[in-house]
Amino acid sequence: MIVQLPIVLKTVFLVLLGSVKSWTDVFAAKSVDGKVSIFNVCLLSLFNKHAPLKYNKPKKVTLHELWHAY
């Protein structure tokens, strides 16, 4: 049986999301805004840990390359 990589990664991410220690903080918050705010902090910390932003330096392109690109 061949397991597809996206399914495995999704499962790993959901396990990590379930292991967030501050779920009690989400449930204990009084307002919906507070719950969403705490949840966003947890979710963004997982994103930053497992899929950080990468910045690429754009390639310098000459006018000749632009003109003849198409």
PDB file of N, CA and C in Angstrom:
ATOM      1  N   MET A   1       0.852  -1.181   0.000  1.00  0.00           N
ATOM      2  CA  MET A   1       0.000   0.000   0.000  1.00  0.00           C
ATOM      3  C   MET A   1       0.892   1.237   0.000  1.00  0.00           C
ATOM      4  N   ILE A   2       0.635   2.133  -0.897  1.00  0.00           N
ATOM      5  CA  ILE A   2       1.401   3.374  -0.995  1.00  0.00           C
ATOM      6  C   ILE A   2       0.613   4.483  -0.303  1.00  0.00           C
ATOM      7  N   VAL A   3       1.258   5.164   0.619  1.00  0.00           N
ATOM      8  CA  VAL A   3       0.622   6.259   1.344  1.00  0.00           C
ATOM      9  C   VAL A   3       1.027   7.570   0.673  1.00  0.00           C
ATOM     10  N   GLN A   4       0.048   8.390   0.376  1.00  0.00           N
ATOM     11  CA  GLN A   4       0.337   9.666  -0.254  1.00  0.00           C
ATOM     12  C   GLN A   4       0.896  10.638   0.778  1.00  0.00           C
ATOM     13  N   LEU A   5       1.928  11.369   0.374  1.00  0.00           N
ATOM     14  CA  LEU A   5       2.611  12.282   1.282  1.00  0.00           C
ATOM     15  C   LEU A   5       1.695  13.379   1.833  1.00  0.00           C
ATOM     16  N   PRO A   6       0.830  14.020   1.014  1.00  0.00           N
ATOM     17  CA  PRO A   6      -0.033  15.064   1.587  1.00  0.00           C
ATOM     18  C   PRO A   6      -0.937  14.549   2.703  1.00  0.00           C
ATOM     19  N   ILE A   7      -1.404  13.305   2.585  1.00  0.00           N
ATOM     20  CA  ILE A   7      -2.260  12.743   3.636  1.00  0.00           C
ATOM     21  C   ILE A   7      -1.459  12.559   4.924  1.00  0.00           C
ATOM     22  N   VAL A   8      -0.225  12.098   4.806  1.00  0.00           N
ATOM     23  CA  VAL A   8       0.635  11.919   5.975  1.00  0.00           C
ATOM     24  C   VAL A   8       0.928  13.266   6.624  1.00  0.00           C
ATOM     25  N   LEU A   9       1.260  14.278   5.813  1.00  0.00           N
ATOM     26  CA  LEU A   9       1.548  15.604   6.359  1.00  0.00           C
ATOM     27  C   LEU A   9       0.323  16.203   7.028  1.00  0.00           C
ATOM     28  N   LYS A  10      -0.844  15.997   6.434  1.00  0.00           N
ATOM     29  CA  LYS A  10      -2.082  16.499   7.039  1.00  0.00           C
ATOM     30  C   LYS A  10      -2.316  15.832   8.388  1.00  0.00           C
ATOM     31  N   THR A  11      -2.074  14.538   8.464  1.00  0.00           N
ATOM     32  CA  THR A  11      -2.257  13.805   9.715  1.00  0.00           C
ATOM     33  C   THR A  11      -1.290  14.300  10.781  1.00  0.00           C
ATOM     34  N   VAL A  12      -0.038  14.503  10.394  1.00  0.00           N
ATOM     35  CA  VAL A  12       0.962  15.008  11.345  1.00  0.00           C
ATOM     36  C   VAL A  12       0.567  16.388  11.842  1.00  0.00           C
ATOM     37  N   PHE A  13       0.107  17.254  10.924  1.00  0.00           N
ATOM     38  CA  PHE A  13      -0.292  18.598  11.323  1.00  0.00           C
ATOM     39  C   PHE A  13      -1.477  18.556  12.278  1.00  0.00           C
ATOM     40  N   LEU A  14      -2.453  17.698  11.996  1.00  0.00           N
ATOM     41  CA  LEU A  14      -3.620  17.608  12.878  1.00  0.00           C
ATOM     42  C   LEU A  14      -3.244  17.065  14.255  1.00  0.00           C
ATOM     43  N   VAL A  15      -2.287  16.140  14.305  1.00  0.00           N
ATOM     44  CA  VAL A  15      -1.815  15.631  15.598  1.00  0.00           C
ATOM     45  C   VAL A  15      -1.145  16.758  16.375  1.00  0.00           C
ATOM     46  N   LEU A  16      -0.312  17.555  15.682  1.00  0.00           N
ATOM     47  CA  LEU A  16       0.345  18.673  16.351  1.00  0.00           C
ATOM     48  C   LEU A  16      -0.666  19.721  16.798  1.00  0.00           C
ATOM     49  N   LEU A  17      -1.677  19.958  15.979  1.00  0.00           N
ATOM     50  CA  LEU A  17      -2.715  20.917  16.355  1.00  0.00           C
ATOM     51  C   LEU A  17      -3.474  20.432  17.588  1.00  0.00           C
ATOM     52  N   GLY A  18      -3.688  19.124  17.663  1.00  0.00           N
ATOM     53  CA  GLY A  18      -4.359  18.559  18.825  1.00  0.00           C
ATOM     54  C   GLY A  18      -3.511  18.587  20.079  1.00  0.00           C
ATOM     55  N   SER A  19      -2.195  18.676  19.911  1.00  0.00           N
ATOM     56  CA  SER A  19      -1.308  18.670  21.070  1.00  0.00           C
ATOM     57  C   SER A  19      -0.990  20.075  21.585  1.00  0.00           C
ATOM     58  N   VAL A  20      -1.642  21.085  21.031  1.00  0.00           N
ATOM     59  CA  VAL A  20      -1.422  22.450  21.512  1.00  0.00           C
ATOM     60  C   VAL A  20      -1.860  22.516  22.969  1.00  0.00           C
ATOM     61  N   LYS A  21      -0.995  23.070  23.804  1.00  0.00           N
ATOM     62  CA  LYS A  21      -1.236  23.054  25.253  1.00  0.00           C
ATOM     63  C   LYS A  21      -2.250  24.087  25.716  1.00  0.00           C
ATOM     64  N   SER A  22      -2.556  25.043  24.867  1.00  0.00           N
ATOM     65  CA  SER A  22      -3.420  26.127  25.344  1.00  0.00           C
ATOM     66  C   SER A  22      -4.872  25.978  24.898  1.00  0.00           C
ATOM     67  N   TRP A  23      -5.318  24.753  24.604  1.00  0.00           N
ATOM     68  CA  TRP A  23      -6.731  24.564  24.274  1.00  0.00           C
ATOM     69  C   TRP A  23      -7.611  24.941  25.455  1.00  0.00           C
ATOM     70  N   THR A  24      -7.127  24.711  26.652  1.00  0.00           N
ATOM     71  CA  THR A  24      -7.928  25.104  27.817  1.00  0.00           C
ATOM     72  C   THR A  24      -8.108  26.614  27.860  1.00  0.00           C
ATOM     73  N   ASP A  25      -7.107  27.359  27.375  1.00  0.00           N
ATOM     74  CA  ASP A  25      -7.246  28.818  27.311  1.00  0.00           C
ATOM     75  C   ASP A  25      -8.321  29.216  26.303  1.00  0.00           C
ATOM     76  N   VAL A  26      -8.374  28.484  25.183  1.00  0.00           N
ATOM     77  CA  VAL A  26      -9.393  28.775  24.170  1.00  0.00           C
ATOM     78  C   VAL A  26     -10.782  28.525  24.753  1.00  0.00           C
ATOM     79  N   PHE A  27     -10.954  27.400  25.416  1.00  0.00           N
ATOM     80  CA  PHE A  27     -12.261  27.073  25.973  1.00  0.00           C
ATOM     81  C   PHE A  27     -12.628  27.956  27.159  1.00  0.00           C
ATOM     82  N   ALA A  28     -11.639  28.458  27.879  1.00  0.00           N
ATOM     83  CA  ALA A  28     -11.917  29.275  29.060  1.00  0.00           C
ATOM     84  C   ALA A  28     -12.181  30.738  28.719  1.00  0.00           C
ATOM     85  N   ALA A  29     -11.853  31.173  27.526  1.00  0.00           N
ATOM     86  CA  ALA A  29     -12.072  32.571  27.149  1.00  0.00           C
ATOM     87  C   ALA A  29     -13.568  32.867  27.148  1.00  0.00           C
ATOM     88  N   LYS A  30     -13.917  34.060  27.606  1.00  0.00           N
ATOM     89  CA  LYS A  30     -15.325  34.430  27.750  1.00  0.00           C
ATOM     90  C   LYS A  30     -15.968  34.804  26.423  1.00  0.00           C
ATOM     91  N   SER A  31     -15.258  35.565  25.594  1.00  0.00           N
ATOM     92  CA  SER A  31     -15.861  36.056  24.357  1.00  0.00           C
ATOM     93  C   SER A  31     -15.373  35.262  23.153  1.00  0.00           C
ATOM     94  N   VAL A  32     -16.141  35.336  22.104  1.00  0.00           N
ATOM     95  CA  VAL A  32     -15.758  34.676  20.859  1.00  0.00           C
ATOM     96  C   VAL A  32     -14.486  35.314  20.300  1.00  0.00           C
ATOM     97  N   ASP A  33     -14.378  36.635  20.421  1.00  0.00           N
ATOM     98  CA  ASP A  33     -13.178  37.327  19.942  1.00  0.00           C
ATOM     99  C   ASP A  33     -11.930  36.827  20.669  1.00  0.00           C
ATOM    100  N   GLY A  34     -12.043  36.611  21.957  1.00  0.00           N
ATOM    101  CA  GLY A  34     -10.922  36.093  22.730  1.00  0.00           C
ATOM    102  C   GLY A  34     -10.546  34.683  22.303  1.00  0.00           C
ATOM    103  N   LYS A  35     -11.557  33.844  22.063  1.00  0.00           N
ATOM    104  CA  LYS A  35     -11.306  32.470  21.614  1.00  0.00           C
ATOM    105  C   LYS A  35     -10.600  32.460  20.263  1.00  0.00           C
ATOM    106  N   VAL A  36     -11.088  33.298  19.336  1.00  0.00           N
ATOM    107  CA  VAL A  36     -10.490  33.361  18.005  1.00  0.00           C
ATOM    108  C   VAL A  36      -9.058  33.884  18.085  1.00  0.00           C
ATOM    109  N   SER A  37      -8.835  34.867  18.931  1.00  0.00           N
ATOM    110  CA  SER A  37      -7.498  35.434  19.078  1.00  0.00           C
ATOM    111  C   SER A  37      -6.510  34.398  19.601  1.00  0.00           C
ATOM    112  N   ILE A  38      -6.895  33.665  20.624  1.00  0.00           N
ATOM    113  CA  ILE A  38      -6.021  32.640  21.198  1.00  0.00           C
ATOM    114  C   ILE A  38      -5.788  31.516  20.181  1.00  0.00           C
ATOM    115  N   PHE A  39      -6.852  31.115  19.471  1.00  0.00           N
ATOM    116  CA  PHE A  39      -6.718  30.069  18.462  1.00  0.00           C
ATOM    117  C   PHE A  39      -5.772  30.517  17.342  1.00  0.00           C
ATOM    118  N   ASN A  40      -5.886  31.770  16.916  1.00  0.00           N
ATOM    119  CA  ASN A  40      -5.007  32.291  15.869  1.00  0.00           C
ATOM    120  C   ASN A  40      -3.542  32.272  16.303  1.00  0.00           C
ATOM    121  N   VAL A  41      -3.284  32.609  17.542  1.00  0.00           N
ATOM    122  CA  VAL A  41      -1.911  32.582  18.050  1.00  0.00           C
ATOM    123  C   VAL A  41      -1.366  31.155  18.004  1.00  0.00           C
ATOM    124  N   CYS A  42      -2.173  30.185  18.419  1.00  0.00           N
ATOM    125  CA  CYS A  42      -1.749  28.778  18.393  1.00  0.00           C
ATOM    126  C   CYS A  42      -1.509  28.310  16.963  1.00  0.00           C
ATOM    127  N   LEU A  43      -2.436  28.625  16.071  1.00  0.00           N
ATOM    128  CA  LEU A  43      -2.327  28.179  14.688  1.00  0.00           C
ATOM    129  C   LEU A  43      -1.143  28.824  13.988  1.00  0.00           C
ATOM    130  N   LEU A  44      -0.944  30.122  14.192  1.00  0.00           N
ATOM    131  CA  LEU A  44       0.179  30.806  13.561  1.00  0.00           C
ATOM    132  C   LEU A  44       1.520  30.322  14.098  1.00  0.00           C
ATOM    133  N   SER A  45       1.572  29.941  15.364  1.00  0.00           N
ATOM    134  CA  SER A  45       2.826  29.402  15.892  1.00  0.00           C
ATOM    135  C   SER A  45       3.155  28.062  15.235  1.00  0.00           C
ATOM    136  N   LEU A  46       2.121  27.252  14.962  1.00  0.00           N
ATOM    137  CA  LEU A  46       2.357  25.995  14.240  1.00  0.00           C
ATOM    138  C   LEU A  46       2.809  26.266  12.806  1.00  0.00           C
ATOM    139  N   PHE A  47       2.169  27.232  12.148  1.00  0.00           N
ATOM    140  CA  PHE A  47       2.575  27.584  10.787  1.00  0.00           C
ATOM    141  C   PHE A  47       4.006  28.085  10.760  1.00  0.00           C
ATOM    142  N   ASN A  48       4.364  28.945  11.688  1.00  0.00           N
ATOM    143  CA  ASN A  48       5.723  29.488  11.717  1.00  0.00           C
ATOM    144  C   ASN A  48       6.765  28.409  12.003  1.00  0.00           C
ATOM    145  N   LYS A  49       6.376  27.416  12.770  1.00  0.00           N
ATOM    146  CA  LYS A  49       7.309  26.345  13.102  1.00  0.00           C
ATOM    147  C   LYS A  49       7.501  25.375  11.938  1.00  0.00           C
ATOM    148  N   HIS A  50       6.409  25.035  11.246  1.00  0.00           N
ATOM    149  CA  HIS A  50       6.474  23.977  10.248  1.00  0.00           C
ATOM    150  C   HIS A  50       6.460  24.473   8.806  1.00  0.00           C
ATOM    151  N   ALA A  51       6.093  25.720   8.589  1.00  0.00           N
ATOM    152  CA  ALA A  51       6.076  26.261   7.218  1.00  0.00           C
ATOM    153  C   ALA A  51       6.458  27.740   7.258  1.00  0.00           C
ATOM    154  N   PRO A  52       7.690  28.044   7.644  1.00  0.00           N
ATOM    155  CA  PRO A  52       8.088  29.452   7.756  1.00  0.00           C
ATOM    156  C   PRO A  52       8.155  30.117   6.376  1.00  0.00           C
ATOM    157  N   LEU A  53       7.983  31.428   6.382  1.00  0.00           N
ATOM    158  CA  LEU A  53       8.094  32.184   5.141  1.00  0.00           C
ATOM    159  C   LEU A  53       9.535  32.179   4.661  1.00  0.00           C
ATOM    160  N   LYS A  54       9.703  32.061   3.374  1.00  0.00           N
ATOM    161  CA  LYS A  54      11.031  32.126   2.784  1.00  0.00           C
ATOM    162  C   LYS A  54      11.029  33.264   1.779  1.00  0.00           C
ATOM    163  N   TYR A  55      12.044  34.093   1.853  1.00  0.00           N
ATOM    164  CA  TYR A  55      12.152  35.226   0.956  1.00  0.00           C
ATOM    165  C   TYR A  55      13.181  34.916  -0.119  1.00  0.00           C
ATOM    166  N   ASN A  56      12.788  35.148  -1.354  1.00  0.00           N
ATOM    167  CA  ASN A  56      13.692  34.936  -2.469  1.00  0.00           C
ATOM    168  C   ASN A  56      14.068  36.276  -3.070  1.00  0.00           C
ATOM    169  N   LYS A  57      15.327  36.415  -3.409  1.00  0.00           N
ATOM    170  CA  LYS A  57      15.790  37.623  -4.058  1.00  0.00           C
ATOM    171  C   LYS A  57      15.447  37.515  -5.543  1.00  0.00           C
ATOM    172  N   PRO A  58      14.751  38.504  -6.097  1.00  0.00           N
ATOM    173  CA  PRO A  58      14.386  38.407  -7.504  1.00  0.00           C
ATOM    174  C   PRO A  58      15.606  38.457  -8.419  1.00  0.00           C
ATOM    175  N   LYS A  59      15.503  37.749  -9.513  1.00  0.00           N
ATOM    176  CA  LYS A  59      16.582  37.698 -10.484  1.00  0.00           C
ATOM    177  C   LYS A  59      16.596  39.009 -11.274  1.00  0.00           C
ATOM    178  N   LYS A  60      17.789  39.545 -11.518  1.00  0.00           N
ATOM    179  CA  LYS A  60      17.905  40.736 -12.339  1.00  0.00           C
ATOM    180  C   LYS A  60      17.714  40.334 -13.799  1.00  0.00           C
ATOM    181  N   VAL A  61      16.800  40.994 -14.456  1.00  0.00           N
ATOM    182  CA  VAL A  61      16.480  40.678 -15.836  1.00  0.00           C
ATOM    183  C   VAL A  61      16.830  41.878 -16.700  1.00  0.00           C
ATOM    184  N   THR A  62      17.498  41.607 -17.803  1.00  0.00           N
ATOM    185  CA  THR A  62      17.857  42.693 -18.712  1.00  0.00           C
ATOM    186  C   THR A  62      16.671  43.009 -19.618  1.00  0.00           C
ATOM    187  N   LEU A  63      16.707  44.162 -20.232  1.00  0.00           N
ATOM    188  CA  LEU A  63      15.650  44.571 -21.144  1.00  0.00           C
ATOM    189  C   LEU A  63      15.574  43.612 -22.330  1.00  0.00           C
ATOM    190  N   HIS A  64      16.705  43.142 -22.795  1.00  0.00           N
ATOM    191  CA  HIS A  64      16.742  42.190 -23.909  1.00  0.00           C
ATOM    192  C   HIS A  64      16.004  40.893 -23.542  1.00  0.00           C
ATOM    193  N   GLU A  65      16.217  40.394 -22.321  1.00  0.00           N
ATOM    194  CA  GLU A  65      15.541  39.175 -21.891  1.00  0.00           C
ATOM    195  C   GLU A  65      14.034  39.390 -21.778  1.00  0.00           C
ATOM    196  N   LEU A  66      13.637  40.552 -21.310  1.00  0.00           N
ATOM    197  CA  LEU A  66      12.209  40.857 -21.208  1.00  0.00           C
ATOM    198  C   LEU A  66      11.573  40.932 -22.597  1.00  0.00           C
ATOM    199  N   TRP A  67      12.272  41.580 -23.510  1.00  0.00           N
ATOM    200  CA  TRP A  67      11.726  41.793 -24.842  1.00  0.00           C
ATOM    201  C   TRP A  67      11.561  40.483 -25.601  1.00  0.00           C
ATOM    202  N   HIS A  68      12.495  39.540 -25.406  1.00  0.00           N
ATOM    203  CA  HIS A  68      12.476  38.295 -26.152  1.00  0.00           C
ATOM    204  C   HIS A  68      11.920  37.116 -25.330  1.00  0.00           C
ATOM    205  N   ALA A  69      11.314  37.396 -24.226  1.00  0.00           N
ATOM    206  CA  ALA A  69      10.809  36.321 -23.388  1.00  0.00           C
ATOM    207  C   ALA A  69       9.551  35.687 -23.968  1.00  0.00           C
ATOM    208  N   TYR A  70       8.783  36.457 -24.724  1.00  0.00           N
ATOM    209  CA  TYR A  70       7.500  35.927 -25.225  1.00  0.00           C
ATOM    210  C   TYR A  70       7.512  35.811 -26.692  1.00  0.00           C
TER     211      TYR A  70
END
